[in-house]
Amino acid sequence: MKNRIYSIYALALVAAALFISCGNERHTAHNNTNSDKLGNYITVDQLHKVVEAGKDIYLVDVRTFREFLNKRLSFADVLIPFDSLEIMADRLPKDKNSEIFLFCRTGRRSRIAFNILKEMGYNNLHNVRGGIVAWEDAGYETISGPVEAK
C-alpha cells in the first residue's frame, strides 16, 4: 500500500515538473521576440544604420550623469536617468507618437525606461539591445567629456 501511495506521489511530481517546464519554455520563447512587454528591440547595428542614413531620431540615454560624461553617443539628444523619467518628462517630446530610442549600458535600464514611457502614453519606442557595451563591442565610436550646449 505504501509503495502504491509513493508511486502516485512520484507520478504527480513528474507531471507537475513537466507542466512547469513546458510553461517556462513558452514564456522564454515569447520574451525572445523583438517586440514584447520588455521593449521593441533594435540592435546597435540597426541603430547605427538609422543614424548613418541621416534619419532624425530622438535618443534618450537613461544612464547616470557620471556614466554619460565618461562615455556616450555623439548623437544622444538627452540624458534622463531611468529613475527620473517621470519628474523630467518635460525633456521628452510632447508628441506621444514621436519615435524614441532608449539607450543605457547593457539594456536593463532602458527596458525599465521603456515600460515607464509606455505607462506615460508613448507608443513608438525602441530599446537598444546591449546598450553602450554592445555599441563599443561592434566597434562604433563614443565620445566623453563635458557636454556642449545644443
N, C-alpha and C. Protein backbone atom coordinates (compact mmCIF):
# COMPACT_ATOMS: atom_id res chain seq x y z
N MET A 1 0.82 -1.20 0.00
CA MET A 1 0.00 0.00 0.00
C MET A 1 0.86 1.26 0.00
N LYS A 2 1.93 1.25 0.86
CA LYS A 2 2.81 2.41 0.93
C LYS A 2 3.48 2.64 -0.42
N ASN A 3 3.91 1.57 -1.08
CA ASN A 3 4.57 1.71 -2.38
C ASN A 3 3.64 2.33 -3.41
N ARG A 4 2.39 1.95 -3.36
CA ARG A 4 1.42 2.49 -4.31
C ARG A 4 1.22 3.99 -4.08
N ILE A 5 1.15 4.42 -2.83
CA ILE A 5 0.99 5.84 -2.50
C ILE A 5 2.21 6.61 -2.95
N TYR A 6 3.42 6.05 -2.70
CA TYR A 6 4.65 6.71 -3.14
C TYR A 6 4.70 6.82 -4.65
N SER A 7 4.22 5.81 -5.34
CA SER A 7 4.20 5.84 -6.82
C SER A 7 3.27 6.93 -7.34
N ILE A 8 2.14 7.07 -6.69
CA ILE A 8 1.19 8.10 -7.09
C ILE A 8 1.79 9.48 -6.86
N TYR A 9 2.45 9.68 -5.70
CA TYR A 9 3.10 10.96 -5.42
C TYR A 9 4.22 11.24 -6.42
N ALA A 10 5.01 10.22 -6.73
CA ALA A 10 6.11 10.39 -7.68
C ALA A 10 5.55 10.76 -9.05
N LEU A 11 4.50 10.11 -9.48
CA LEU A 11 3.87 10.40 -10.77
C LEU A 11 3.32 11.83 -10.78
N ALA A 12 2.71 12.25 -9.68
CA ALA A 12 2.18 13.61 -9.59
C ALA A 12 3.31 14.64 -9.65
N LEU A 13 4.43 14.36 -9.00
CA LEU A 13 5.57 15.27 -9.04
C LEU A 13 6.15 15.38 -10.44
N VAL A 14 6.28 14.26 -11.13
CA VAL A 14 6.79 14.27 -12.51
C VAL A 14 5.85 15.06 -13.41
N ALA A 15 4.56 14.85 -13.27
CA ALA A 15 3.58 15.58 -14.09
C ALA A 15 3.66 17.08 -13.80
N ALA A 16 3.79 17.46 -12.54
CA ALA A 16 3.90 18.88 -12.19
C ALA A 16 5.18 19.48 -12.76
N ALA A 17 6.28 18.74 -12.68
CA ALA A 17 7.55 19.24 -13.22
C ALA A 17 7.45 19.45 -14.72
N LEU A 18 6.83 18.52 -15.43
CA LEU A 18 6.65 18.66 -16.88
C LEU A 18 5.76 19.86 -17.21
N PHE A 19 4.71 20.04 -16.45
CA PHE A 19 3.80 21.15 -16.69
C PHE A 19 4.51 22.49 -16.49
N ILE A 20 5.29 22.59 -15.41
CA ILE A 20 6.01 23.82 -15.12
C ILE A 20 7.07 24.10 -16.17
N SER A 21 7.84 23.09 -16.56
CA SER A 21 8.91 23.31 -17.54
C SER A 21 8.35 23.68 -18.90
N CYS A 22 7.25 23.11 -19.30
CA CYS A 22 6.64 23.49 -20.58
C CYS A 22 6.18 24.92 -20.55
N GLY A 23 5.58 25.34 -19.44
CA GLY A 23 5.15 26.72 -19.31
C GLY A 23 6.32 27.68 -19.37
N ASN A 24 7.44 27.35 -18.76
CA ASN A 24 8.61 28.22 -18.78
C ASN A 24 9.19 28.34 -20.18
N GLU A 25 9.19 27.25 -20.95
CA GLU A 25 9.71 27.31 -22.32
C GLU A 25 8.88 28.26 -23.17
N ARG A 26 7.57 28.20 -23.01
CA ARG A 26 6.72 29.11 -23.78
C ARG A 26 7.00 30.55 -23.38
N HIS A 27 7.15 30.79 -22.08
CA HIS A 27 7.41 32.14 -21.59
C HIS A 27 8.75 32.65 -22.11
N THR A 28 9.78 31.82 -22.07
CA THR A 28 11.10 32.22 -22.55
C THR A 28 11.06 32.50 -24.04
N ALA A 29 10.40 31.66 -24.79
CA ALA A 29 10.33 31.88 -26.24
C ALA A 29 9.62 33.19 -26.53
N HIS A 30 8.57 33.50 -25.79
CA HIS A 30 7.85 34.75 -26.01
C HIS A 30 8.74 35.95 -25.72
N ASN A 31 9.54 35.88 -24.65
CA ASN A 31 10.37 37.01 -24.27
C ASN A 31 11.57 37.22 -25.18
N ASN A 32 11.84 36.30 -26.08
CA ASN A 32 12.95 36.48 -27.01
C ASN A 32 12.51 37.12 -28.32
N THR A 33 11.26 37.48 -28.43
CA THR A 33 10.80 38.13 -29.64
C THR A 33 11.28 39.57 -29.66
N ASN A 34 11.23 40.21 -30.83
CA ASN A 34 11.69 41.59 -30.94
C ASN A 34 10.73 42.60 -30.34
N SER A 35 9.48 42.23 -30.18
CA SER A 35 8.52 43.17 -29.63
C SER A 35 7.71 42.45 -28.56
N ASP A 36 7.93 42.81 -27.33
CA ASP A 36 7.19 42.22 -26.23
C ASP A 36 7.05 43.24 -25.12
N LYS A 37 6.59 42.81 -23.97
CA LYS A 37 6.36 43.75 -22.89
C LYS A 37 7.65 44.36 -22.35
N LEU A 38 8.78 43.77 -22.71
CA LEU A 38 10.07 44.31 -22.26
C LEU A 38 10.63 45.33 -23.22
N GLY A 39 10.04 45.49 -24.36
CA GLY A 39 10.53 46.51 -25.27
C GLY A 39 10.53 46.08 -26.72
N ASN A 40 10.45 47.07 -27.60
CA ASN A 40 10.60 46.86 -29.02
C ASN A 40 12.09 47.02 -29.29
N TYR A 41 12.78 45.91 -29.43
CA TYR A 41 14.23 45.93 -29.51
C TYR A 41 14.76 46.35 -30.87
N ILE A 42 15.91 47.01 -30.82
CA ILE A 42 16.68 47.34 -32.01
C ILE A 42 18.14 47.05 -31.65
N THR A 43 18.88 46.48 -32.57
CA THR A 43 20.28 46.18 -32.29
C THR A 43 21.12 47.43 -32.50
N VAL A 44 22.35 47.40 -32.00
CA VAL A 44 23.24 48.55 -32.21
C VAL A 44 23.56 48.70 -33.69
N ASP A 45 23.64 47.59 -34.41
CA ASP A 45 23.88 47.68 -35.86
C ASP A 45 22.72 48.36 -36.57
N GLN A 46 21.50 48.04 -36.17
CA GLN A 46 20.33 48.69 -36.76
C GLN A 46 20.32 50.18 -36.42
N LEU A 47 20.63 50.52 -35.17
CA LEU A 47 20.68 51.92 -34.78
C LEU A 47 21.75 52.66 -35.58
N HIS A 48 22.91 52.06 -35.74
CA HIS A 48 23.99 52.68 -36.50
C HIS A 48 23.55 52.96 -37.93
N LYS A 49 22.86 52.01 -38.55
CA LYS A 49 22.36 52.20 -39.93
C LYS A 49 21.36 53.34 -40.00
N VAL A 50 20.49 53.43 -39.01
CA VAL A 50 19.50 54.50 -38.97
C VAL A 50 20.20 55.86 -38.89
N VAL A 51 21.20 55.95 -38.04
CA VAL A 51 21.93 57.21 -37.86
C VAL A 51 22.73 57.54 -39.11
N GLU A 52 23.40 56.54 -39.69
CA GLU A 52 24.19 56.75 -40.90
C GLU A 52 23.31 57.20 -42.08
N ALA A 53 22.07 56.75 -42.09
CA ALA A 53 21.14 57.14 -43.15
C ALA A 53 20.63 58.56 -42.97
N GLY A 54 20.98 59.17 -41.85
CA GLY A 54 20.58 60.56 -41.61
C GLY A 54 19.17 60.72 -41.09
N LYS A 55 18.57 59.63 -40.62
CA LYS A 55 17.21 59.71 -40.09
C LYS A 55 17.23 60.52 -38.79
N ASP A 56 16.26 61.41 -38.65
CA ASP A 56 16.13 62.24 -37.46
C ASP A 56 15.48 61.39 -36.37
N ILE A 57 16.25 61.08 -35.34
CA ILE A 57 15.73 60.27 -34.23
C ILE A 57 15.91 61.03 -32.93
N TYR A 58 15.22 60.58 -31.90
CA TYR A 58 15.35 61.14 -30.57
C TYR A 58 15.88 60.03 -29.67
N LEU A 59 17.14 60.17 -29.24
CA LEU A 59 17.79 59.15 -28.42
C LEU A 59 17.89 59.64 -26.98
N VAL A 60 17.31 58.86 -26.09
CA VAL A 60 17.36 59.18 -24.66
C VAL A 60 18.31 58.20 -23.99
N ASP A 61 19.38 58.74 -23.41
CA ASP A 61 20.32 57.94 -22.63
C ASP A 61 19.79 57.92 -21.21
N VAL A 62 19.55 56.74 -20.65
CA VAL A 62 18.92 56.64 -19.33
C VAL A 62 19.90 56.21 -18.25
N ARG A 63 21.19 56.40 -18.50
CA ARG A 63 22.23 56.07 -17.51
C ARG A 63 22.41 57.22 -16.53
N THR A 64 23.41 57.12 -15.68
CA THR A 64 23.71 58.20 -14.73
C THR A 64 24.54 59.29 -15.42
N PHE A 65 24.59 60.45 -14.80
CA PHE A 65 25.36 61.56 -15.34
C PHE A 65 26.84 61.20 -15.46
N ARG A 66 27.37 60.54 -14.45
CA ARG A 66 28.78 60.12 -14.47
C ARG A 66 29.05 59.18 -15.64
N GLU A 67 28.18 58.21 -15.86
CA GLU A 67 28.35 57.28 -16.99
C GLU A 67 28.30 58.05 -18.31
N PHE A 68 27.37 58.99 -18.39
CA PHE A 68 27.18 59.78 -19.61
C PHE A 68 28.43 60.59 -19.93
N LEU A 69 29.02 61.24 -18.93
CA LEU A 69 30.23 62.03 -19.14
C LEU A 69 31.42 61.15 -19.53
N ASN A 70 31.48 59.97 -18.95
CA ASN A 70 32.58 59.06 -19.21
C ASN A 70 32.57 58.52 -20.63
N LYS A 71 31.36 58.21 -21.14
CA LYS A 71 31.25 57.58 -22.45
C LYS A 71 29.82 57.71 -22.94
N ARG A 72 29.66 58.27 -24.14
CA ARG A 72 28.30 58.45 -24.68
C ARG A 72 28.33 58.47 -26.19
N LEU A 73 27.13 58.46 -26.76
CA LEU A 73 26.99 58.57 -28.21
C LEU A 73 26.90 60.05 -28.57
N SER A 74 27.57 60.43 -29.62
CA SER A 74 27.61 61.85 -30.00
C SER A 74 26.24 62.39 -30.37
N PHE A 75 25.36 61.53 -30.79
CA PHE A 75 24.04 61.97 -31.26
C PHE A 75 22.94 61.80 -30.21
N ALA A 76 23.31 61.51 -28.97
CA ALA A 76 22.31 61.39 -27.91
C ALA A 76 21.65 62.76 -27.71
N ASP A 77 20.34 62.78 -27.71
CA ASP A 77 19.60 64.03 -27.56
C ASP A 77 19.52 64.50 -26.12
N VAL A 78 19.37 63.56 -25.20
CA VAL A 78 19.15 63.97 -23.83
C VAL A 78 19.55 62.84 -22.88
N LEU A 79 20.03 63.24 -21.71
CA LEU A 79 20.29 62.31 -20.62
C LEU A 79 19.17 62.48 -19.61
N ILE A 80 18.46 61.40 -19.37
CA ILE A 80 17.46 61.38 -18.31
C ILE A 80 17.62 60.04 -17.60
N PRO A 81 18.23 60.01 -16.43
CA PRO A 81 18.36 58.73 -15.73
C PRO A 81 17.00 58.04 -15.63
N PHE A 82 17.01 56.72 -15.81
CA PHE A 82 15.75 55.97 -15.90
C PHE A 82 14.85 56.20 -14.70
N ASP A 83 15.42 56.42 -13.53
CA ASP A 83 14.59 56.61 -12.35
C ASP A 83 14.11 58.06 -12.19
N SER A 84 14.41 58.90 -13.18
CA SER A 84 13.97 60.31 -13.15
C SER A 84 13.06 60.65 -14.32
N LEU A 85 12.67 59.66 -15.10
CA LEU A 85 11.88 59.91 -16.32
C LEU A 85 10.58 60.66 -16.04
N GLU A 86 9.88 60.27 -15.01
CA GLU A 86 8.59 60.90 -14.74
C GLU A 86 8.75 62.35 -14.27
N ILE A 87 9.77 62.63 -13.48
CA ILE A 87 9.92 64.00 -12.99
C ILE A 87 10.63 64.90 -14.01
N MET A 88 11.26 64.31 -15.01
CA MET A 88 11.93 65.08 -16.05
C MET A 88 11.22 64.92 -17.40
N ALA A 89 9.94 64.61 -17.36
CA ALA A 89 9.17 64.35 -18.57
C ALA A 89 9.13 65.55 -19.51
N ASP A 90 9.37 66.75 -19.00
CA ASP A 90 9.36 67.94 -19.85
C ASP A 90 10.51 67.93 -20.86
N ARG A 91 11.48 67.05 -20.67
CA ARG A 91 12.60 66.94 -21.60
C ARG A 91 12.32 65.94 -22.72
N LEU A 92 11.18 65.29 -22.64
CA LEU A 92 10.77 64.32 -23.67
C LEU A 92 9.92 65.02 -24.73
N PRO A 93 9.83 64.44 -25.92
CA PRO A 93 8.96 65.03 -26.94
C PRO A 93 7.52 65.12 -26.43
N LYS A 94 6.85 66.19 -26.79
CA LYS A 94 5.45 66.37 -26.38
C LYS A 94 4.53 65.40 -27.11
N ASP A 95 4.87 65.11 -28.37
CA ASP A 95 4.09 64.20 -29.19
C ASP A 95 4.33 62.76 -28.73
N LYS A 96 3.30 62.12 -28.21
CA LYS A 96 3.41 60.75 -27.70
C LYS A 96 3.66 59.73 -28.80
N ASN A 97 3.53 60.14 -30.07
CA ASN A 97 3.82 59.25 -31.19
C ASN A 97 5.24 59.43 -31.72
N SER A 98 6.02 60.30 -31.11
CA SER A 98 7.40 60.52 -31.53
C SER A 98 8.20 59.23 -31.41
N GLU A 99 9.08 59.01 -32.37
CA GLU A 99 9.95 57.83 -32.32
C GLU A 99 11.09 58.11 -31.34
N ILE A 100 11.16 57.32 -30.27
CA ILE A 100 12.15 57.50 -29.22
C ILE A 100 12.97 56.22 -29.09
N PHE A 101 14.30 56.40 -29.08
CA PHE A 101 15.23 55.30 -28.87
C PHE A 101 15.78 55.41 -27.47
N LEU A 102 15.77 54.31 -26.72
CA LEU A 102 16.24 54.28 -25.35
C LEU A 102 17.55 53.51 -25.26
N PHE A 103 18.49 54.09 -24.51
CA PHE A 103 19.85 53.58 -24.51
C PHE A 103 20.42 53.61 -23.09
N CYS A 104 21.13 52.57 -22.70
CA CYS A 104 21.79 52.55 -21.40
C CYS A 104 23.11 51.80 -21.52
N ARG A 105 23.57 51.18 -20.46
CA ARG A 105 24.86 50.49 -20.50
C ARG A 105 24.73 49.12 -21.17
N THR A 106 23.74 48.33 -20.75
CA THR A 106 23.60 46.97 -21.30
C THR A 106 22.19 46.65 -21.80
N GLY A 107 21.23 47.48 -21.51
CA GLY A 107 19.86 47.23 -21.95
C GLY A 107 18.87 47.03 -20.81
N ARG A 108 19.35 46.81 -19.61
CA ARG A 108 18.44 46.57 -18.48
C ARG A 108 17.66 47.82 -18.10
N ARG A 109 18.35 48.93 -17.92
CA ARG A 109 17.67 50.17 -17.52
C ARG A 109 16.81 50.72 -18.65
N SER A 110 17.22 50.52 -19.88
CA SER A 110 16.39 51.00 -20.99
C SER A 110 15.10 50.18 -21.10
N ARG A 111 15.12 48.90 -20.68
CA ARG A 111 13.89 48.11 -20.63
C ARG A 111 12.95 48.69 -19.58
N ILE A 112 13.50 49.07 -18.44
CA ILE A 112 12.68 49.68 -17.39
C ILE A 112 12.12 51.01 -17.90
N ALA A 113 12.97 51.81 -18.55
CA ALA A 113 12.54 53.09 -19.11
C ALA A 113 11.44 52.89 -20.14
N PHE A 114 11.57 51.86 -20.97
CA PHE A 114 10.56 51.53 -21.97
C PHE A 114 9.19 51.38 -21.29
N ASN A 115 9.16 50.60 -20.22
CA ASN A 115 7.89 50.36 -19.53
C ASN A 115 7.35 51.63 -18.89
N ILE A 116 8.22 52.46 -18.34
CA ILE A 116 7.78 53.72 -17.75
C ILE A 116 7.17 54.62 -18.82
N LEU A 117 7.86 54.76 -19.95
CA LEU A 117 7.35 55.62 -21.03
C LEU A 117 6.07 55.06 -21.63
N LYS A 118 5.95 53.74 -21.71
CA LYS A 118 4.69 53.13 -22.19
C LYS A 118 3.55 53.55 -21.28
N GLU A 119 3.78 53.47 -19.97
CA GLU A 119 2.75 53.86 -19.00
C GLU A 119 2.42 55.34 -19.11
N MET A 120 3.39 56.15 -19.56
CA MET A 120 3.17 57.60 -19.73
C MET A 120 2.46 57.90 -21.05
N GLY A 121 2.21 56.87 -21.87
CA GLY A 121 1.46 57.05 -23.10
C GLY A 121 2.28 57.08 -24.37
N TYR A 122 3.60 56.95 -24.30
CA TYR A 122 4.43 56.91 -25.51
C TYR A 122 4.28 55.55 -26.16
N ASN A 123 4.20 55.53 -27.48
CA ASN A 123 3.94 54.25 -28.15
C ASN A 123 4.84 53.94 -29.33
N ASN A 124 5.85 54.75 -29.57
CA ASN A 124 6.77 54.48 -30.68
C ASN A 124 8.19 54.42 -30.12
N LEU A 125 8.41 53.41 -29.26
CA LEU A 125 9.66 53.29 -28.51
C LEU A 125 10.53 52.16 -29.05
N HIS A 126 11.84 52.36 -28.96
CA HIS A 126 12.80 51.34 -29.36
C HIS A 126 13.85 51.20 -28.27
N ASN A 127 14.03 49.99 -27.78
CA ASN A 127 15.02 49.70 -26.76
C ASN A 127 16.28 49.17 -27.46
N VAL A 128 17.41 49.89 -27.31
CA VAL A 128 18.65 49.48 -27.97
C VAL A 128 19.28 48.34 -27.16
N ARG A 129 19.24 47.16 -27.75
CA ARG A 129 19.72 45.94 -27.08
C ARG A 129 21.24 46.00 -26.88
N GLY A 130 21.66 45.78 -25.63
CA GLY A 130 23.09 45.71 -25.32
C GLY A 130 23.73 47.03 -24.98
N GLY A 131 23.03 48.15 -25.23
CA GLY A 131 23.50 49.47 -24.85
C GLY A 131 24.89 49.83 -25.32
N ILE A 132 25.56 50.65 -24.53
CA ILE A 132 26.86 51.16 -24.92
C ILE A 132 27.92 50.06 -24.96
N VAL A 133 27.74 49.01 -24.16
CA VAL A 133 28.67 47.89 -24.20
C VAL A 133 28.64 47.24 -25.58
N ALA A 134 27.44 46.95 -26.09
CA ALA A 134 27.31 46.36 -27.42
C ALA A 134 27.76 47.33 -28.51
N TRP A 135 27.49 48.62 -28.32
CA TRP A 135 27.89 49.65 -29.28
C TRP A 135 29.43 49.63 -29.46
N GLU A 136 30.13 49.61 -28.34
CA GLU A 136 31.60 49.58 -28.41
C GLU A 136 32.12 48.24 -28.91
N ASP A 137 31.48 47.16 -28.50
CA ASP A 137 31.89 45.83 -28.97
C ASP A 137 31.78 45.74 -30.49
N ALA A 138 30.82 46.47 -31.05
CA ALA A 138 30.63 46.47 -32.51
C ALA A 138 31.65 47.39 -33.20
N GLY A 139 32.43 48.13 -32.42
CA GLY A 139 33.46 49.00 -32.98
C GLY A 139 33.00 50.40 -33.33
N TYR A 140 31.84 50.79 -32.82
CA TYR A 140 31.32 52.12 -33.11
C TYR A 140 31.89 53.14 -32.13
N GLU A 141 31.93 54.38 -32.56
CA GLU A 141 32.58 55.47 -31.82
C GLU A 141 31.72 55.98 -30.68
N THR A 142 32.41 56.34 -29.59
CA THR A 142 31.79 57.03 -28.47
C THR A 142 32.62 58.29 -28.19
N ILE A 143 32.05 59.20 -27.44
CA ILE A 143 32.77 60.40 -27.02
C ILE A 143 32.70 60.49 -25.51
N SER A 144 33.51 61.36 -24.93
CA SER A 144 33.48 61.57 -23.49
C SER A 144 33.79 63.03 -23.19
N GLY A 145 33.67 63.40 -21.94
CA GLY A 145 33.96 64.76 -21.52
C GLY A 145 32.73 65.59 -21.33
N PRO A 146 32.96 66.90 -21.08
CA PRO A 146 31.83 67.81 -20.84
C PRO A 146 30.85 67.86 -22.02
N VAL A 147 29.63 68.13 -21.68
CA VAL A 147 28.57 68.20 -22.68
C VAL A 147 28.49 69.62 -23.22
N GLU A 148 28.49 69.74 -24.53
CA GLU A 148 28.32 71.05 -25.15
C GLU A 148 26.86 71.36 -25.32
N ALA A 149 26.48 72.61 -25.09
CA ALA A 149 25.09 73.02 -25.24
C ALA A 149 24.66 72.90 -26.69
N LYS A 150 23.43 72.45 -26.89
CA LYS A 150 22.89 72.31 -28.25
C LYS A 150 22.16 73.55 -28.66
